[in-house]
């Protein structure tokens, strides 16, 4: 049984300045209890699971927050987590060691199978949680990782795929051609102003519908763009999705979270746009 927490309760907890404390209590005593936030991402995850009911693949797990969200919907759900950064791979392996339904792999997903690929990161505080197969001015330290194509998992028939790869999302999609054709998974993808149009073009050709469910625009280009005063964001408790052309702001850099739906599954967002 899944219980959705009303947005008004979360607003009240924040006003009373006990929201962070309540999160700690939840994580300690109620994790995987079926209690989920009634924000747009949680609603989309829940609806996607009910529509597809099958393997969830998390590409770029980080600390496993999306895995936790799906476990909260069904703690017996088959899950594959893929994390290239060795430190987080080891923490994830320890975190989920008692879950026989979860497998964690220390790979990067790309458009090629390669035993040794360059992997870029940075130890600076602002960027310490970002790593990618693509070199950027901020990600300039090098490690090496094995890369595989997502199509390696085609026999597992994935139903939902989350992709958070710091700019390498097109490589992931290019390595997923067989899965897209035969499994028709729902994709949740983090994109930026550099990758949005490429992802849209690629998936629309495969009869997918693409919607933005979380957006962040940056007012200025700062050393740390994520300073709160520099952000323009949607209210995640307004249960609404957008087509990108409805919200794009000329000249502003952005980060979007997308839901990419096979057209045959469009009922998932029927009351959200």
Protein backbone atom coordinates (compact mmCIF):
# COMPACT_ATOMS: atom_id res chain seq x y z
CA UNK A 1 0.00 0.00 0.00
CA UNK A 2 1.30 3.46 -0.95
CA UNK A 3 0.33 6.63 0.93
CA UNK A 4 0.91 10.04 -0.66
CA UNK A 5 1.79 12.82 1.79
CA UNK A 6 -0.27 15.97 1.04
CA UNK A 7 1.76 18.98 -0.07
CA UNK A 8 0.08 21.11 2.60
CA UNK A 9 1.63 18.92 5.33
CA UNK A 10 5.14 19.41 3.91
CA UNK A 11 4.55 23.17 3.68
CA UNK A 12 3.43 23.16 7.33
CA UNK A 13 6.50 21.19 8.46
CA UNK A 14 8.73 23.72 6.69
CA UNK A 15 6.94 26.66 8.32
CA UNK A 16 7.38 25.03 11.71
CA UNK A 17 11.06 24.51 10.84
CA UNK A 18 10.90 20.77 11.53
CA UNK A 19 10.94 19.51 7.95
CA UNK A 20 14.62 18.48 7.98
CA UNK A 21 14.14 16.75 11.33
CA UNK A 22 11.06 14.92 10.04
CA UNK A 23 13.08 13.71 7.03
CA UNK A 24 15.68 12.21 9.37
CA UNK A 25 12.95 10.45 11.37
CA UNK A 26 11.40 9.15 8.16
CA UNK A 27 14.70 7.82 6.83
CA UNK A 28 15.48 6.09 10.11
CA UNK A 29 12.11 4.53 10.90
CA UNK A 30 9.83 4.67 7.86
CA UNK A 31 12.06 4.19 4.78
CA UNK A 32 10.43 1.79 2.29
CA UNK A 33 7.16 2.01 4.26
CA UNK A 34 5.12 3.10 1.23
CA UNK A 35 4.88 6.75 2.32
CA UNK A 36 5.77 9.02 -0.61
CA UNK A 37 5.77 12.76 -1.19
CA UNK A 38 2.99 14.09 -3.38
CA UNK A 39 5.41 15.98 -5.65
CA UNK A 40 5.47 15.68 -9.44
CA UNK A 41 8.40 13.26 -9.63
CA UNK A 42 6.96 10.88 -7.02
CA UNK A 43 3.60 10.92 -8.82
CA UNK A 44 5.24 10.17 -12.18
CA UNK A 45 7.36 7.37 -10.71
CA UNK A 46 4.25 5.85 -9.10
CA UNK A 47 2.18 6.06 -12.27
CA UNK A 48 5.01 4.73 -14.41
CA UNK A 49 5.44 1.74 -12.13
CA UNK A 50 1.71 0.97 -12.22
CA UNK A 51 1.71 1.25 -16.00
CA UNK A 52 4.82 -0.85 -16.68
CA UNK A 53 5.42 -3.07 -13.60
CA UNK A 54 8.90 -4.31 -14.40
CA UNK A 55 12.65 -3.79 -14.11
CA UNK A 56 13.88 -0.31 -13.14
CA UNK A 57 17.39 0.64 -14.29
CA UNK A 58 19.07 3.60 -12.60
CA UNK A 59 21.90 4.96 -14.76
CA UNK A 60 24.02 7.19 -12.54
CA UNK A 61 22.74 6.20 -9.09
CA UNK A 62 24.84 8.61 -7.01
CA UNK A 63 23.58 7.86 -3.46
CA UNK A 64 20.54 5.84 -4.54
CA UNK A 65 17.72 8.33 -3.92
CA UNK A 66 15.75 7.21 -7.00
CA UNK A 67 16.22 3.55 -6.08
CA UNK A 68 14.80 4.41 -2.67
CA UNK A 69 11.78 6.05 -4.26
CA UNK A 70 10.99 2.94 -6.28
CA UNK A 71 11.59 0.65 -3.29
CA UNK A 72 9.07 2.77 -1.45
CA UNK A 73 6.53 1.92 -4.14
CA UNK A 74 7.45 -1.78 -4.20
CA UNK A 75 10.31 -3.02 -2.02
CA UNK A 76 10.47 -6.25 -4.06
CA UNK A 77 10.85 -4.49 -7.42
CA UNK A 78 13.72 -5.77 -9.59
CA UNK A 79 16.30 -2.97 -9.81
CA UNK A 80 19.65 -2.56 -11.56
CA UNK A 81 21.83 0.33 -10.44
CA UNK A 82 24.77 1.50 -12.54
CA UNK A 83 27.30 3.83 -10.94
CA UNK A 84 30.72 4.60 -12.49
CA UNK A 85 32.26 6.42 -9.53
CA UNK A 86 34.03 3.79 -7.41
CA UNK A 87 33.38 5.48 -4.07
CA UNK A 88 29.62 5.68 -4.62
CA UNK A 89 29.49 2.18 -6.14
CA UNK A 90 30.98 0.77 -2.93
CA UNK A 91 28.56 2.75 -0.74
CA UNK A 92 25.59 1.61 -2.84
CA UNK A 93 26.74 -2.02 -2.73
CA UNK A 94 26.86 -1.80 1.06
CA UNK A 95 23.56 0.07 1.34
CA UNK A 96 21.61 -2.52 -0.66
CA UNK A 97 23.53 -5.67 0.31
CA UNK A 98 20.45 -7.19 1.97
CA UNK A 99 18.21 -6.67 -1.08
CA UNK A 100 18.34 -9.75 -3.33
CA UNK A 101 16.24 -7.88 -5.92
CA UNK A 102 18.90 -5.14 -6.43
CA UNK A 103 22.12 -5.47 -8.43
CA UNK A 104 24.71 -2.66 -8.49
CA UNK A 105 27.33 -2.47 -11.27
CA UNK A 106 30.47 -0.34 -11.44
CA UNK A 107 30.14 0.72 -15.10
CA UNK A 108 29.43 3.81 -17.12
CA UNK A 109 26.70 3.48 -19.76
CA UNK A 110 27.72 4.71 -23.20
CA UNK A 111 27.30 4.00 -26.93
CA UNK A 112 30.22 1.54 -26.95
CA UNK A 113 31.40 -1.44 -24.94
CA UNK A 114 34.90 -0.57 -23.80
CA UNK A 115 37.09 -2.06 -21.08
CA UNK A 116 38.75 1.26 -20.29
CA UNK A 117 37.24 4.69 -20.92
CA UNK A 118 38.18 8.10 -19.57
CA UNK A 119 35.92 9.40 -16.89
CA UNK A 120 36.06 13.05 -15.73
CA UNK A 121 35.46 14.53 -12.30
CA UNK A 122 36.59 17.34 -9.98
CA UNK A 123 37.35 17.38 -6.25
CA UNK A 124 36.32 21.00 -5.73
CA UNK A 125 33.40 21.42 -3.32
CA UNK A 126 31.08 22.92 -5.95
CA UNK A 127 31.61 20.04 -8.41
CA UNK A 128 32.52 17.12 -6.16
CA UNK A 129 29.28 15.28 -6.90
CA UNK A 130 29.55 15.60 -10.69
CA UNK A 131 31.31 13.12 -12.98
CA UNK A 132 30.90 12.37 -16.66
CA UNK A 133 32.28 10.64 -19.74
CA UNK A 134 32.49 14.12 -21.27
CA UNK A 135 35.26 16.54 -20.33
CA UNK A 136 34.17 20.05 -19.36
CA UNK A 137 36.07 23.06 -17.99
CA UNK A 138 34.90 22.09 -14.49
CA UNK A 139 35.37 18.33 -14.81
CA UNK A 140 39.05 18.05 -15.64
CA UNK A 141 40.44 15.25 -13.48
CA UNK A 142 40.65 11.79 -15.07
CA UNK A 143 39.83 8.29 -13.87
CA UNK A 144 39.09 5.18 -15.91
CA UNK A 145 35.96 3.07 -16.01
CA UNK A 146 34.51 0.20 -18.02
CA UNK A 147 31.72 1.31 -20.36
CA UNK A 148 28.86 -0.82 -21.64
CA UNK A 149 25.80 -0.18 -23.78
CA UNK A 150 22.42 -0.28 -22.08
CA UNK A 151 21.42 -2.84 -24.71
CA UNK A 152 23.52 -5.33 -22.73
CA UNK A 153 20.48 -5.61 -20.45
CA UNK A 154 17.91 -6.20 -23.21
CA UNK A 155 17.19 -9.74 -22.02
CA UNK A 156 16.14 -8.30 -18.65
CA UNK A 157 13.41 -6.29 -20.44
CA UNK A 158 13.70 -2.94 -18.60
CA UNK A 159 10.46 -1.03 -18.18
CA UNK A 160 11.66 2.23 -16.58
CA UNK A 161 15.10 3.83 -17.05
CA UNK A 162 16.45 6.88 -15.22
CA UNK A 163 19.46 8.65 -16.77
CA UNK A 164 21.60 11.20 -14.93
CA UNK A 165 25.00 11.29 -16.63
CA UNK A 166 26.15 14.94 -16.58
CA UNK A 167 25.92 15.58 -20.32
CA UNK A 168 26.48 12.04 -21.63
CA UNK A 169 22.77 11.23 -21.89
CA UNK A 170 22.82 11.06 -25.70
CA UNK A 171 25.53 8.38 -25.51
CA UNK A 172 23.24 6.37 -23.23
CA UNK A 173 20.31 6.67 -25.65
CA UNK A 174 22.51 5.78 -28.63
CA UNK A 175 23.52 2.61 -26.79
CA UNK A 176 19.88 1.71 -26.10
CA UNK A 177 18.52 1.23 -29.63
CA UNK A 178 17.46 -2.39 -29.19
CA UNK A 179 15.84 -1.72 -25.83
CA UNK A 180 13.91 1.24 -27.25
CA UNK A 181 12.63 -0.84 -30.15
CA UNK A 182 11.69 -4.00 -28.26
CA UNK A 183 11.02 -2.96 -24.64
CA UNK A 184 9.63 0.59 -25.06
CA UNK A 185 10.68 1.74 -21.56
CA UNK A 186 9.69 5.00 -19.95
CA UNK A 187 12.77 7.23 -19.62
CA UNK A 188 13.44 9.82 -16.91
CA UNK A 189 16.36 11.93 -18.16
CA UNK A 190 18.25 14.92 -16.78
CA UNK A 191 19.23 17.27 -19.63
CA UNK A 192 20.68 20.75 -20.06
CA UNK A 193 20.55 23.47 -22.73
CA UNK A 194 23.34 21.52 -24.48
CA UNK A 195 21.48 18.22 -24.79
CA UNK A 196 17.71 18.85 -24.71
CA UNK A 197 17.09 19.21 -28.45
CA UNK A 198 19.31 16.23 -29.32
CA UNK A 199 17.41 13.98 -26.90
CA UNK A 200 14.05 15.26 -28.14
CA UNK A 201 14.93 14.65 -31.80
CA UNK A 202 16.28 11.18 -31.12
CA UNK A 203 13.30 9.94 -29.09
CA UNK A 204 10.55 11.64 -31.09
CA UNK A 205 11.76 9.63 -34.10
CA UNK A 206 11.03 6.53 -32.01
CA UNK A 207 7.46 7.63 -31.32
CA UNK A 208 8.09 9.02 -27.84
CA UNK A 209 6.45 12.04 -26.21
CA UNK A 210 8.76 14.29 -24.18
CA UNK A 211 7.69 16.45 -21.25
CA UNK A 212 9.54 18.57 -18.68
CA UNK A 213 8.43 17.88 -15.11
CA UNK A 214 11.11 19.85 -13.24
CA UNK A 215 12.91 22.89 -14.57
CA UNK A 216 15.70 25.13 -13.30
CA UNK A 217 16.82 28.23 -15.20
CA UNK A 218 19.94 30.12 -14.19
CA UNK A 219 19.68 33.91 -14.09
CA UNK A 220 23.43 34.42 -14.46
CA UNK A 221 26.51 32.33 -15.11
CA UNK A 222 28.23 32.07 -11.70
CA UNK A 223 31.05 29.98 -10.26
CA UNK A 224 28.27 28.10 -8.47
CA UNK A 225 25.10 28.46 -10.51
CA UNK A 226 23.07 26.70 -7.80
CA UNK A 227 22.98 29.68 -5.43
CA UNK A 228 19.29 29.95 -4.53
CA UNK A 229 18.96 33.58 -5.62
CA UNK A 230 20.22 32.58 -9.10
CA UNK A 231 17.47 30.02 -9.77
CA UNK A 232 14.09 30.11 -11.49
CA UNK A 233 12.25 26.85 -10.76
CA UNK A 234 8.81 25.36 -11.02
CA UNK A 235 6.83 24.40 -7.92
CA UNK A 236 7.22 20.62 -7.74
CA UNK A 237 3.93 20.34 -5.84
CA UNK A 238 2.03 21.77 -8.80
CA UNK A 239 1.27 18.48 -10.49
CA UNK A 240 1.97 19.62 -14.03
CA UNK A 241 4.26 18.73 -16.93
CA UNK A 242 5.33 21.02 -19.76
CA UNK A 243 6.46 20.80 -23.36
CA UNK A 244 9.90 22.40 -23.57
CA UNK A 245 8.81 25.02 -26.10
CA UNK A 246 6.23 26.31 -23.60
CA UNK A 247 8.79 27.28 -20.99
CA UNK A 248 12.14 27.99 -22.71
CA UNK A 249 13.61 31.38 -21.79
CA UNK A 250 15.74 32.88 -24.53
CA UNK A 251 19.41 33.08 -23.65
CA UNK A 252 19.14 31.36 -20.27
CA UNK A 253 21.01 28.18 -19.45
CA UNK A 254 18.95 25.49 -17.78
CA UNK A 255 18.63 22.00 -16.39
CA UNK A 256 15.45 20.01 -17.03
CA UNK A 257 14.19 16.68 -15.77
CA UNK A 258 12.24 14.94 -18.54
CA UNK A 259 9.76 12.12 -18.69
CA UNK A 260 9.93 10.45 -22.10
CA UNK A 261 6.87 8.33 -22.78
CA UNK A 262 6.13 5.86 -25.56
CA UNK A 263 2.96 7.25 -27.15
CA UNK A 264 1.12 4.09 -26.18
CA UNK A 265 1.63 5.06 -22.51
CA UNK A 266 0.50 8.68 -22.80
CA UNK A 267 -2.36 8.23 -20.31
CA UNK A 268 0.22 8.59 -17.52
CA UNK A 269 0.21 12.39 -17.99
CA UNK A 270 -3.36 12.87 -19.24
CA UNK A 271 -4.38 15.14 -16.31
CA UNK A 272 -0.98 16.80 -15.82
CA UNK A 273 -0.70 19.11 -18.85
